Protein backbone atom coordinates (compact mmCIF):
# COMPACT_ATOMS: atom_id res chain seq x y z
CA UNK A 1 4.88 -7.55 -2.05
CA UNK A 2 7.30 -4.68 -1.73
CA UNK A 3 7.97 -2.83 -4.94
CA UNK A 4 11.15 -3.80 -6.69
CA UNK A 5 14.00 -1.39 -7.24
CA UNK A 6 13.80 0.05 -10.70
CA UNK A 7 15.88 -2.10 -13.05
CA UNK A 8 18.80 -0.27 -14.63
CA UNK A 9 20.19 -0.89 -18.08
CA UNK A 10 23.93 -1.39 -18.55
CA UNK A 11 24.35 2.31 -19.28
CA UNK A 12 22.68 3.26 -15.96
CA UNK A 13 19.36 4.37 -17.46
CA UNK A 14 16.08 3.08 -16.05
CA UNK A 15 14.65 0.16 -18.05
CA UNK A 16 11.09 -0.92 -18.66
CA UNK A 17 8.07 1.03 -19.78
CA UNK A 18 6.19 3.54 -17.68
CA UNK A 19 2.60 2.42 -17.09
CA UNK A 20 1.69 5.16 -14.59
CA UNK A 21 3.29 8.58 -14.44
CA UNK A 22 3.00 11.15 -11.64
CA UNK A 23 -0.33 12.48 -12.95
CA UNK A 24 -1.79 8.97 -13.26
CA UNK A 25 -0.72 8.14 -9.69
CA UNK A 26 -2.23 11.37 -8.37
CA UNK A 27 -5.55 10.75 -10.13
CA UNK A 28 -5.67 7.13 -8.92
CA UNK A 29 -5.07 8.21 -5.32
CA UNK A 30 -7.78 10.89 -5.54
CA UNK A 31 -10.23 8.29 -6.85
CA UNK A 32 -9.28 5.80 -4.12
CA UNK A 33 -9.74 8.55 -1.50
CA UNK A 34 -13.28 9.20 -2.74
CA UNK A 35 -14.04 5.46 -2.82
CA UNK A 36 -12.87 5.08 0.78
CA UNK A 37 -15.07 7.98 1.89
CA UNK A 38 -18.10 6.64 0.02
CA UNK A 39 -17.69 3.13 1.38
CA UNK A 40 -17.14 4.43 4.93
CA UNK A 41 -19.90 7.06 4.61
CA UNK A 42 -17.45 9.77 5.63
CA UNK A 43 -14.23 9.92 7.59
CA UNK A 44 -15.51 8.98 11.04
CA UNK A 45 -13.56 6.21 12.83
CA UNK A 46 -11.30 5.83 9.80
CA UNK A 47 -7.65 4.78 10.21
CA UNK A 48 -5.25 4.44 7.27
CA UNK A 49 -2.35 2.08 8.02
CA UNK A 50 0.47 2.18 5.48
CA UNK A 51 2.58 -0.96 5.02
CA UNK A 52 6.30 -0.32 4.93
CA UNK A 53 7.89 0.94 2.81
CA UNK A 54 5.89 2.61 0.04
CA UNK A 55 2.46 2.05 1.58
CA UNK A 56 3.31 4.61 4.28
CA UNK A 57 3.60 7.64 1.97
CA UNK A 58 0.60 6.40 -0.02
CA UNK A 59 -1.49 6.31 3.19
CA UNK A 60 -0.40 9.86 3.99
CA UNK A 61 -1.35 11.05 0.51
CA UNK A 62 -4.76 9.40 0.83
CA UNK A 63 -5.24 11.08 4.22
CA UNK A 64 -4.32 14.45 2.71
CA UNK A 65 -6.83 13.93 -0.12
CA UNK A 66 -9.56 12.95 2.33
CA UNK A 67 -8.79 15.97 4.52
CA UNK A 68 -9.22 18.26 1.49
CA UNK A 69 -12.62 16.74 0.71
CA UNK A 70 -13.97 16.31 4.25
CA UNK A 71 -12.20 19.17 6.02
CA UNK A 72 -11.12 16.82 8.79
CA UNK A 73 -7.90 15.05 9.69
CA UNK A 74 -7.82 11.30 9.14
CA UNK A 75 -5.69 9.17 11.45
CA UNK A 76 -2.75 7.45 9.79
CA UNK A 77 -0.18 4.98 11.01
CA UNK A 78 2.58 2.65 9.90
CA UNK A 79 2.50 -1.14 10.03
CA UNK A 80 5.60 -3.30 9.85
CA UNK A 81 4.93 -6.90 8.85
CA UNK A 82 8.53 -8.14 8.78
CA UNK A 83 8.26 -10.57 11.68
CA UNK A 84 4.89 -11.90 10.46
CA UNK A 85 6.12 -12.90 7.00
CA UNK A 86 6.16 -16.58 6.05
CA UNK A 87 9.38 -16.22 4.03
CA UNK A 88 11.78 -15.16 6.80
CA UNK A 89 13.67 -18.45 6.51
CA UNK A 90 14.42 -17.87 2.84
CA UNK A 91 15.02 -14.09 3.20
CA UNK A 92 16.28 -13.56 6.78
CA UNK A 93 18.10 -10.25 6.16
CA UNK A 94 15.07 -7.96 6.32
CA UNK A 95 15.46 -4.94 8.56
CA UNK A 96 12.38 -4.35 10.70
CA UNK A 97 10.67 -0.97 10.55
CA UNK A 98 8.57 0.57 13.24
CA UNK A 99 4.87 0.06 13.72
CA UNK A 100 3.19 3.29 14.71
CA UNK A 101 -0.50 3.42 15.55
CA UNK A 102 -2.33 6.59 16.65
CA UNK A 103 -3.17 6.92 20.35
CA UNK A 104 -6.78 5.84 19.72
CA UNK A 105 -5.59 2.40 18.59
CA UNK A 106 -7.39 0.17 16.12
CA UNK A 107 -10.26 -1.14 18.26
CA UNK A 108 -13.63 -0.38 16.69
CA UNK A 109 -12.08 1.53 13.78
CA UNK A 110 -12.45 1.06 10.06
CA UNK A 111 -8.86 0.23 9.20
CA UNK A 112 -7.73 0.58 5.62
CA UNK A 113 -4.45 -1.20 4.98
CA UNK A 114 -2.55 0.68 2.26
CA UNK A 115 0.10 -0.99 0.12
CA UNK A 116 1.82 -0.23 -3.14
CA UNK A 117 1.62 -3.45 -5.21
CA UNK A 118 -0.63 -6.44 -4.56
CA UNK A 119 0.88 -9.63 -5.94
CA UNK A 120 0.77 -12.99 -4.15
CA UNK A 121 -1.22 -11.75 -1.15
CA UNK A 122 1.38 -12.92 1.36
CA UNK A 123 2.28 -9.42 2.55
CA UNK A 124 -1.39 -8.70 3.23
CA UNK A 125 -1.76 -11.98 5.12
CA UNK A 126 1.19 -10.92 7.27
CA UNK A 127 -0.42 -7.49 7.74
CA UNK A 128 -3.65 -9.08 8.96
CA UNK A 129 -1.66 -11.14 11.48
CA UNK A 130 0.22 -8.04 12.66
CA UNK A 131 -3.02 -6.08 12.91
CA UNK A 132 -4.65 -8.75 15.06
CA UNK A 133 -1.87 -8.27 17.61
CA UNK A 134 -2.76 -4.56 17.84
CA UNK A 135 -6.45 -4.96 18.59
CA UNK A 136 -9.80 -5.60 17.00
CA UNK A 137 -10.93 -3.24 14.24
CA UNK A 138 -14.61 -3.05 13.30
CA UNK A 139 -13.72 -3.51 9.61
CA UNK A 140 -10.50 -4.06 7.68
CA UNK A 141 -10.23 -3.02 4.05
CA UNK A 142 -7.36 -2.99 1.57
CA UNK A 143 -6.28 -0.20 -0.78
CA UNK A 144 -3.45 -0.73 -3.27
CA UNK A 145 -2.06 1.45 -6.01
CA UNK A 146 -1.38 -1.53 -8.35
CA UNK A 147 -2.92 -5.00 -8.46
CA UNK A 148 -0.79 -7.17 -10.71
CA UNK A 149 -2.61 -10.48 -10.17
CA UNK A 150 -1.01 -13.90 -9.52
CA UNK A 151 -2.59 -14.35 -6.08
CA UNK A 152 -1.43 -17.31 -4.00
CA UNK A 153 -3.91 -16.59 -1.20
CA UNK A 154 -7.62 -15.70 -1.31
CA UNK A 155 -7.06 -11.96 -0.84
CA UNK A 156 -8.45 -9.11 -2.94
CA UNK A 157 -8.23 -5.35 -2.67
CA UNK A 158 -11.29 -3.22 -1.95
CA UNK A 159 -9.75 -0.16 -3.62
CA UNK A 160 -7.37 -0.44 -6.59
CA UNK A 161 -5.65 2.37 -8.45
CA UNK A 162 -4.71 0.26 -11.49
CA UNK A 163 -5.23 -3.39 -12.39
CA UNK A 164 -2.08 -4.33 -14.25
CA UNK A 165 -2.10 -7.87 -15.65
CA UNK A 166 1.47 -9.13 -15.76
CA UNK A 167 3.45 -12.25 -16.44
CA UNK A 168 5.15 -13.77 -13.40
CA UNK A 169 8.49 -13.09 -15.09
CA UNK A 170 7.79 -9.35 -15.30
CA UNK A 171 8.68 -6.91 -12.54
CA UNK A 172 6.52 -4.05 -11.41
CA UNK A 173 8.56 -1.19 -10.06
CA UNK A 174 6.82 1.59 -8.14
CA UNK A 175 8.74 4.72 -7.27
CA UNK A 176 7.46 7.55 -5.08
CA UNK A 177 8.81 11.03 -4.52
CA UNK A 178 9.03 10.41 -0.76
CA UNK A 179 11.25 7.32 -1.09
CA UNK A 180 12.76 7.47 -4.59
CA UNK A 181 12.63 11.07 -5.76
CA UNK A 182 9.97 10.58 -8.47
CA UNK A 183 6.50 9.16 -8.99
CA UNK A 184 6.09 6.39 -11.55
CA UNK A 185 5.18 2.76 -12.06
CA UNK A 186 7.22 0.75 -14.55
CA UNK A 187 6.93 -2.76 -15.85
CA UNK A 188 10.05 -4.60 -16.98
């Protein structure tokens, strides 16, 4: 599920409580990077595909972390799932983004889908459908910064920055420097 815009109070200030600050996010991404490397036994044949919008910069940050550890560049790409979503009838005004896959494609690769917040699982189901149209990876894994629970589909993340149990009525808002000017996760 895409992260929500940060709720604003009537006076224009940001509402909710911060559950992850910039340092927490950085540490979580470093840990996830190491987990990905350990599970993959290195960076060979690894492809990080960020889901629009905030999964894209997260995938790039993970790739940067892995490059620092391994001394090698990790392929990254962008995956748009807009046309694969099962809620287009109820929310038809979504603007598609571009899907960008490195020249080597996805065939035979270990593809790690990277998203910001895992909620119902429907975005990941759409991502799996979109990925199947691109080719046949050897393995597909999922890395998310926040897992807030409330799954509607049998999907779980392989790499999680923070498990954040929430009520359905609460909103999790993730902001990143690349898209929002600051790094933080709030719950409201």
